Amino acid sequence: MLKILLLRLFLPVMMVFPSVNQVTPGLYVLQPTDGQIVAGTVEIKGSVPDDGFDYAEVSYAFSDETASNWFQIAKLDQTVHDATLALWDKTTITDGTYRLKVSVHRKNGSVSDLVVENIRVGNYTHYDVPTATATAASPVETPVTAETVVPTTVMKPLPTDLPKNPASIDQDDFKLSLISGVTLVVLILAVLGVYVLFRRIARK
């Protein structure tokens, strides 16, 4: 009796001031989560409720837009429970921060929306992970000390001396040969001169 009385008292107040943070029972998204960094094709997992279900839509929009233009990712004709709602291919959109929305349309014309905020798409952009999150998720690693690389001196090969040509003549040998040749020619001419002189004398 007391519960019925309290319900009658607070029901008009709840109708006048509905809670903006009210979550529809059975409507939730498991992944991606608020602030998650994603790339490539991501599986959107979650659930949509059975109550009066007509169809559901999964869509996305830019976070920095005041009046968001929602782009449809998939349309669901049946309810889903803790399974894949849609596959979101982000290779066709630019890197940035986006919003993800799951809208459930009921047969009575009502619509329930669930929005996941601050999904960061980083196909080509590197986002820094918060220090606290990185410390909790990553094991402690021993810092690696950089080694100093000493450049190796490359020895250039020296040209090998060619063996001396036995047929070559140095300057001293050339002078000696020249003097010997001249002396020999002079001696031959002298002998010929003496021979000619004696022939002439003999003819007289």
C-alpha atoms as a PDB file:
ATOM      1  CA  MET A   1       0.000   0.000   0.000  1.00  0.00           C
ATOM      2  CA  LEU A   2       2.829   2.387   0.893  1.00  0.00           C
ATOM      3  CA  LYS A   3       4.667   1.645  -2.398  1.00  0.00           C
ATOM      4  CA  ILE A   4       1.539   2.387  -4.430  1.00  0.00           C
ATOM      5  CA  LEU A   5       1.067   5.686  -2.581  1.00  0.00           C
ATOM      6  CA  LEU A   6       4.693   6.750  -3.174  1.00  0.00           C
ATOM      7  CA  LEU A   7       4.448   5.772  -6.831  1.00  0.00           C
ATOM      8  CA  ARG A   8       1.320   7.946  -7.254  1.00  0.00           C
ATOM      9  CA  LEU A   9       3.113  10.859  -5.619  1.00  0.00           C
ATOM     10  CA  PHE A  10       6.360  10.702  -7.661  1.00  0.00           C
ATOM     11  CA  LEU A  11       4.957   9.591 -11.016  1.00  0.00           C
ATOM     12  CA  PRO A  12       3.808  13.104 -12.057  1.00  0.00           C
ATOM     13  CA  VAL A  13       7.206  14.523 -11.054  1.00  0.00           C
ATOM     14  CA  MET A  14       9.054  11.901 -13.102  1.00  0.00           C
ATOM     15  CA  MET A  15       6.877  12.660 -16.110  1.00  0.00           C
ATOM     16  CA  VAL A  16       7.560  16.391 -15.886  1.00  0.00           C
ATOM     17  CA  PHE A  17      11.331  16.031 -15.205  1.00  0.00           C
ATOM     18  CA  PRO A  18      12.552  12.912 -17.032  1.00  0.00           C
ATOM     19  CA  SER A  19      16.100  11.834 -16.303  1.00  0.00           C
ATOM     20  CA  VAL A  20      18.425  12.595 -19.219  1.00  0.00           C
ATOM     21  CA  ASN A  21      20.883   9.912 -18.084  1.00  0.00           C
ATOM     22  CA  GLN A  22      18.274   7.178 -17.913  1.00  0.00           C
ATOM     23  CA  VAL A  23      19.493   4.004 -19.590  1.00  0.00           C
ATOM     24  CA  THR A  24      16.953   1.846 -21.393  1.00  0.00           C
ATOM     25  CA  PRO A  25      16.973  -1.656 -19.898  1.00  0.00           C
ATOM     26  CA  GLY A  26      18.514  -4.163 -22.290  1.00  0.00           C
ATOM     27  CA  LEU A  27      20.119  -1.471 -24.479  1.00  0.00           C
ATOM     28  CA  TYR A  28      23.903  -1.239 -24.121  1.00  0.00           C
ATOM     29  CA  VAL A  29      27.162  -1.343 -26.090  1.00  0.00           C
ATOM     30  CA  LEU A  30      30.036  -3.544 -24.907  1.00  0.00           C
ATOM     31  CA  GLN A  31      32.538  -2.241 -27.425  1.00  0.00           C
ATOM     32  CA  PRO A  32      33.861   0.212 -28.412  1.00  0.00           C
ATOM     33  CA  THR A  33      33.822   2.132 -25.158  1.00  0.00           C
ATOM     34  CA  ASP A  34      34.020   5.856 -24.337  1.00  0.00           C
ATOM     35  CA  GLY A  35      37.433   7.281 -25.248  1.00  0.00           C
ATOM     36  CA  GLN A  36      38.643   4.094 -26.962  1.00  0.00           C
ATOM     37  CA  ILE A  37      41.176   4.356 -29.804  1.00  0.00           C
ATOM     38  CA  VAL A  38      40.147   2.303 -32.832  1.00  0.00           C
ATOM     39  CA  ALA A  39      41.407   1.702 -36.358  1.00  0.00           C
ATOM     40  CA  GLY A  40      40.489  -0.357 -39.388  1.00  0.00           C
ATOM     41  CA  THR A  41      37.270  -2.366 -39.065  1.00  0.00           C
ATOM     42  CA  VAL A  42      35.828  -2.660 -35.548  1.00  0.00           C
ATOM     43  CA  GLU A  43      33.144  -5.033 -34.309  1.00  0.00           C
ATOM     44  CA  ILE A  44      30.392  -3.155 -32.466  1.00  0.00           C
ATOM     45  CA  LYS A  45      29.032  -5.502 -29.781  1.00  0.00           C
ATOM     46  CA  GLY A  46      26.096  -5.041 -27.462  1.00  0.00           C
ATOM     47  CA  SER A  47      22.379  -5.673 -26.997  1.00  0.00           C
ATOM     48  CA  VAL A  48      19.036  -4.171 -28.000  1.00  0.00           C
ATOM     49  CA  PRO A  49      15.844  -4.852 -25.984  1.00  0.00           C
ATOM     50  CA  ASP A  50      12.942  -7.094 -27.052  1.00  0.00           C
ATOM     51  CA  ASP A  51      10.194  -4.893 -25.615  1.00  0.00           C
ATOM     52  CA  GLY A  52       8.094  -3.662 -28.558  1.00  0.00           C
ATOM     53  CA  PHE A  53      11.101  -3.933 -30.911  1.00  0.00           C
ATOM     54  CA  ASP A  54      10.501  -2.852 -34.501  1.00  0.00           C
ATOM     55  CA  TYR A  55      14.021  -2.172 -35.789  1.00  0.00           C
ATOM     56  CA  ALA A  56      17.323  -0.628 -34.681  1.00  0.00           C
ATOM     57  CA  GLU A  57      19.941   1.545 -36.338  1.00  0.00           C
ATOM     58  CA  VAL A  58      23.664   1.912 -35.653  1.00  0.00           C
ATOM     59  CA  SER A  59      25.181   5.194 -36.812  1.00  0.00           C
ATOM     60  CA  TYR A  60      28.095   7.567 -36.213  1.00  0.00           C
ATOM     61  CA  ALA A  61      28.782  11.308 -36.293  1.00  0.00           C
ATOM     62  CA  PHE A  62      31.597  13.781 -35.718  1.00  0.00           C
ATOM     63  CA  SER A  63      31.953  14.746 -32.064  1.00  0.00           C
ATOM     64  CA  ASP A  64      32.760  18.408 -32.724  1.00  0.00           C
ATOM     65  CA  GLU A  65      29.528  19.151 -34.577  1.00  0.00           C
ATOM     66  CA  THR A  66      26.799  21.003 -32.691  1.00  0.00           C
ATOM     67  CA  ALA A  67      24.006  19.562 -34.846  1.00  0.00           C
ATOM     68  CA  SER A  68      25.311  16.116 -35.555  1.00  0.00           C
ATOM     69  CA  ASN A  69      24.710  14.577 -38.934  1.00  0.00           C
ATOM     70  CA  TRP A  70      24.420  10.867 -38.277  1.00  0.00           C
ATOM     71  CA  PHE A  71      25.670   8.393 -40.879  1.00  0.00           C
ATOM     72  CA  GLN A  72      24.133   4.940 -40.785  1.00  0.00           C
ATOM     73  CA  ILE A  73      26.430   1.952 -40.308  1.00  0.00           C
ATOM     74  CA  ALA A  74      23.813  -0.807 -40.159  1.00  0.00           C
ATOM     75  CA  LYS A  75      20.104  -1.463 -39.673  1.00  0.00           C
ATOM     76  CA  LEU A  76      18.906  -4.342 -37.481  1.00  0.00           C
ATOM     77  CA  ASP A  77      15.611  -6.088 -38.192  1.00  0.00           C
ATOM     78  CA  GLN A  78      15.834  -8.336 -35.144  1.00  0.00           C
ATOM     79  CA  THR A  79      17.040  -8.068 -31.567  1.00  0.00           C
ATOM     80  CA  VAL A  80      20.634  -8.872 -30.576  1.00  0.00           C
ATOM     81  CA  HIS A  81      21.884  -9.993 -27.163  1.00  0.00           C
ATOM     82  CA  ASP A  82      25.587  -9.679 -26.294  1.00  0.00           C
ATOM     83  CA  ALA A  83      26.584 -10.176 -29.914  1.00  0.00           C
ATOM     84  CA  THR A  84      27.633  -8.210 -32.973  1.00  0.00           C
ATOM     85  CA  LEU A  85      25.456  -5.215 -33.764  1.00  0.00           C
ATOM     86  CA  ALA A  86      27.471  -4.057 -36.780  1.00  0.00           C
ATOM     87  CA  LEU A  87      30.923  -3.936 -38.356  1.00  0.00           C
ATOM     88  CA  TRP A  88      32.260  -0.387 -38.575  1.00  0.00           C
ATOM     89  CA  ASP A  89      34.778   0.122 -41.399  1.00  0.00           C
ATOM     90  CA  LYS A  90      36.736   3.261 -40.524  1.00  0.00           C
ATOM     91  CA  THR A  91      39.243   3.091 -43.358  1.00  0.00           C
ATOM     92  CA  THR A  92      36.897   5.252 -45.459  1.00  0.00           C
ATOM     93  CA  ILE A  93      36.700   8.143 -42.958  1.00  0.00           C
ATOM     94  CA  THR A  94      39.269  10.642 -41.738  1.00  0.00           C
ATOM     95  CA  ASP A  95      41.001  10.334 -38.392  1.00  0.00           C
ATOM     96  CA  GLY A  96      39.371  12.196 -35.535  1.00  0.00           C
ATOM     97  CA  THR A  97      36.919  11.925 -32.641  1.00  0.00           C
ATOM     98  CA  TYR A  98      33.471  10.447 -33.305  1.00  0.00           C
ATOM     99  CA  ARG A  99      30.217   9.543 -31.560  1.00  0.00           C
ATOM    100  CA  LEU A 100      28.491   6.178 -31.934  1.00  0.00           C
ATOM    101  CA  LYS A 101      24.718   5.836 -31.540  1.00  0.00           C
ATOM    102  CA  VAL A 102      22.391   2.839 -31.276  1.00  0.00           C
ATOM    103  CA  SER A 103      18.735   3.797 -31.854  1.00  0.00           C
ATOM    104  CA  VAL A 104      15.938   1.344 -31.031  1.00  0.00           C
ATOM    105  CA  HIS A 105      12.612   2.017 -32.761  1.00  0.00           C
ATOM    106  CA  ARG A 106       9.517   0.422 -31.220  1.00  0.00           C
ATOM    107  CA  LYS A 107       6.218  -0.469 -32.806  1.00  0.00           C
ATOM    108  CA  ASN A 108       4.447   2.195 -30.763  1.00  0.00           C
ATOM    109  CA  GLY A 109       6.603   4.891 -32.416  1.00  0.00           C
ATOM    110  CA  SER A 110       8.952   5.569 -29.482  1.00  0.00           C
ATOM    111  CA  VAL A 111      12.710   5.678 -29.966  1.00  0.00           C
ATOM    112  CA  SER A 112      15.476   4.939 -27.431  1.00  0.00           C
ATOM    113  CA  ASP A 113      19.025   6.152 -28.144  1.00  0.00           C
ATOM    114  CA  LEU A 114      22.327   5.108 -26.621  1.00  0.00           C
ATOM    115  CA  VAL A 115      25.382   7.225 -27.501  1.00  0.00           C
ATOM    116  CA  VAL A 116      29.039   6.296 -26.988  1.00  0.00           C
ATOM    117  CA  GLU A 117      31.213   9.416 -26.879  1.00  0.00           C
ATOM    118  CA  ASN A 118      34.818  10.278 -27.776  1.00  0.00           C
ATOM    119  CA  ILE A 119      35.710   7.322 -29.972  1.00  0.00           C
ATOM    120  CA  ARG A 120      39.081   8.233 -31.481  1.00  0.00           C
ATOM    121  CA  VAL A 121      39.746   6.900 -34.967  1.00  0.00           C
ATOM    122  CA  GLY A 122      43.472   6.573 -35.626  1.00  0.00           C
ATOM    123  CA  ASN A 123      44.159   4.865 -38.922  1.00  0.00           C
ATOM    124  CA  TYR A 124      47.060   7.227 -39.630  1.00  0.00           C
ATOM    125  CA  THR A 125      47.221   9.304 -36.433  1.00  0.00           C
ATOM    126  CA  HIS A 126      49.070   8.231 -33.288  1.00  0.00           C
ATOM    127  CA  TYR A 127      47.199   8.976 -30.066  1.00  0.00           C
ATOM    128  CA  ASP A 128      49.092   9.018 -26.788  1.00  0.00           C
ATOM    129  CA  VAL A 129      47.643   6.599 -24.256  1.00  0.00           C
ATOM    130  CA  PRO A 130      47.211   8.157 -20.763  1.00  0.00           C
ATOM    131  CA  THR A 131      50.162   7.375 -18.484  1.00  0.00           C
ATOM    132  CA  ALA A 132      48.059   5.696 -15.797  1.00  0.00           C
ATOM    133  CA  THR A 133      46.378   3.382 -18.296  1.00  0.00           C
ATOM    134  CA  ALA A 134      49.634   2.524 -19.995  1.00  0.00           C
ATOM    135  CA  THR A 135      51.338   1.765 -16.659  1.00  0.00           C
ATOM    136  CA  ALA A 136      48.538  -0.514 -15.501  1.00  0.00           C
ATOM    137  CA  ALA A 137      48.279  -2.417 -18.766  1.00  0.00           C
ATOM    138  CA  SER A 138      51.949  -2.714 -19.670  1.00  0.00           C
ATOM    139  CA  PRO A 139      54.534  -4.771 -17.774  1.00  0.00           C
ATOM    140  CA  VAL A 140      57.614  -3.038 -16.387  1.00  0.00           C
ATOM    141  CA  GLU A 141      60.350  -3.137 -18.969  1.00  0.00           C
ATOM    142  CA  THR A 142      64.077  -2.782 -18.359  1.00  0.00           C
ATOM    143  CA  PRO A 143      65.363   0.294 -20.173  1.00  0.00           C
ATOM    144  CA  VAL A 144      67.650  -0.521 -23.015  1.00  0.00           C
ATOM    145  CA  THR A 145      70.970   1.346 -23.010  1.00  0.00           C
ATOM    146  CA  ALA A 146      72.038   2.518 -26.410  1.00  0.00           C
ATOM    147  CA  GLU A 147      75.409   1.160 -27.491  1.00  0.00           C
ATOM    148  CA  THR A 148      78.043   3.504 -28.867  1.00  0.00           C
ATOM    149  CA  VAL A 149      78.990   2.452 -32.347  1.00  0.00           C
ATOM    150  CA  VAL A 150      82.675   3.007 -33.153  1.00  0.00           C
ATOM    151  CA  PRO A 151      83.221   3.494 -36.874  1.00  0.00           C
ATOM    152  CA  THR A 152      85.583   0.955 -38.379  1.00  0.00           C
ATOM    153  CA  THR A 153      88.537   2.342 -40.333  1.00  0.00           C
ATOM    154  CA  VAL A 154      88.576   0.899 -43.805  1.00  0.00           C
ATOM    155  CA  MET A 155      92.110   0.245 -45.083  1.00  0.00           C
ATOM    156  CA  LYS A 156      92.471   1.127 -48.723  1.00  0.00           C
ATOM    157  CA  PRO A 157      94.617  -1.351 -50.658  1.00  0.00           C
ATOM    158  CA  LEU A 158      97.923   0.088 -51.924  1.00  0.00           C
ATOM    159  CA  PRO A 159      98.925  -0.499 -55.530  1.00  0.00           C
ATOM    160  CA  THR A 160     101.312  -3.448 -55.961  1.00  0.00           C
ATOM    161  CA  ASP A 161     104.673  -2.640 -57.552  1.00  0.00           C
ATOM    162  CA  LEU A 162     105.084  -4.317 -60.910  1.00  0.00           C
ATOM    163  CA  PRO A 163     108.120  -6.539 -61.385  1.00  0.00           C
ATOM    164  CA  LYS A 164     111.034  -4.945 -63.265  1.00  0.00           C
ATOM    165  CA  ASN A 165     110.993  -5.621 -66.986  1.00  0.00           C
ATOM    166  CA  PRO A 166     114.167  -7.513 -67.869  1.00  0.00           C
ATOM    167  CA  ALA A 167     114.097  -5.961 -71.355  1.00  0.00           C
ATOM    168  CA  SER A 168     114.082  -2.390 -70.071  1.00  0.00           C
ATOM    169  CA  ILE A 169     117.271  -0.238 -70.268  1.00  0.00           C
ATOM    170  CA  ASP A 170     118.106   2.365 -67.678  1.00  0.00           C
ATOM    171  CA  GLN A 171     119.938   5.639 -68.421  1.00  0.00           C
ATOM    172  CA  ASP A 172     123.435   4.397 -67.509  1.00  0.00           C
ATOM    173  CA  ASP A 173     123.112   1.345 -69.727  1.00  0.00           C
ATOM    174  CA  PHE A 174     121.902   3.530 -72.559  1.00  0.00           C
ATOM    175  CA  LYS A 175     124.942   5.875 -72.264  1.00  0.00           C
ATOM    176  CA  LEU A 176     127.341   2.939 -72.125  1.00  0.00           C
ATOM    177  CA  SER A 177     125.779   1.343 -75.173  1.00  0.00           C
ATOM    178  CA  LEU A 178     125.919   4.629 -77.071  1.00  0.00           C
ATOM    179  CA  ILE A 179     129.630   5.172 -76.290  1.00  0.00           C
ATOM    180  CA  SER A 180     130.457   1.584 -77.200  1.00  0.00           C
ATOM    181  CA  GLY A 181     128.632   1.895 -80.508  1.00  0.00           C
ATOM    182  CA  VAL A 182     130.368   5.177 -81.426  1.00  0.00           C
ATOM    183  CA  THR A 183     133.776   3.749 -80.516  1.00  0.00           C
ATOM    184  CA  LEU A 184     133.116   0.659 -82.600  1.00  0.00           C
ATOM    185  CA  VAL A 185     132.061   2.734 -85.608  1.00  0.00           C
ATOM    186  CA  VAL A 186     135.199   4.905 -85.295  1.00  0.00           C
ATOM    187  CA  LEU A 187     137.411   1.812 -85.134  1.00  0.00           C
ATOM    188  CA  ILE A 188     135.728   0.282 -88.170  1.00  0.00           C
ATOM    189  CA  LEU A 189     136.133   3.523 -90.142  1.00  0.00           C
ATOM    190  CA  ALA A 190     139.783   3.751 -89.117  1.00  0.00           C
ATOM    191  CA  VAL A 191     140.437   0.196 -90.229  1.00  0.00           C
ATOM    192  CA  LEU A 192     138.697   0.857 -93.534  1.00  0.00           C
ATOM    193  CA  GLY A 193     140.735   4.044 -93.988  1.00  0.00           C
ATOM    194  CA  VAL A 194     143.998   2.201 -93.386  1.00  0.00           C
ATOM    195  CA  TYR A 195     142.919  -0.556 -95.753  1.00  0.00           C
ATOM    196  CA  VAL A 196     142.082   1.899 -98.514  1.00  0.00           C
ATOM    197  CA  LEU A 197     145.376   3.725 -97.985  1.00  0.00           C
ATOM    198  CA  PHE A 198     147.393   0.526 -98.348  1.00  0.00           C
ATOM    199  CA  ARG A 199     145.518  -0.434-101.501  1.00  0.00           C
ATOM    200  CA  ARG A 200     146.365   2.857-103.103  1.00  0.00           C
ATOM    201  CA  ILE A 201     150.026   2.549-102.198  1.00  0.00           C
ATOM    202  CA  ALA A 202     150.148  -0.971-103.565  1.00  0.00           C
ATOM    203  CA  ARG A 203     148.698   0.150-106.908  1.00  0.00           C
ATOM    204  CA  LYS A 204     151.429   2.735-107.347  1.00  0.00           C
END
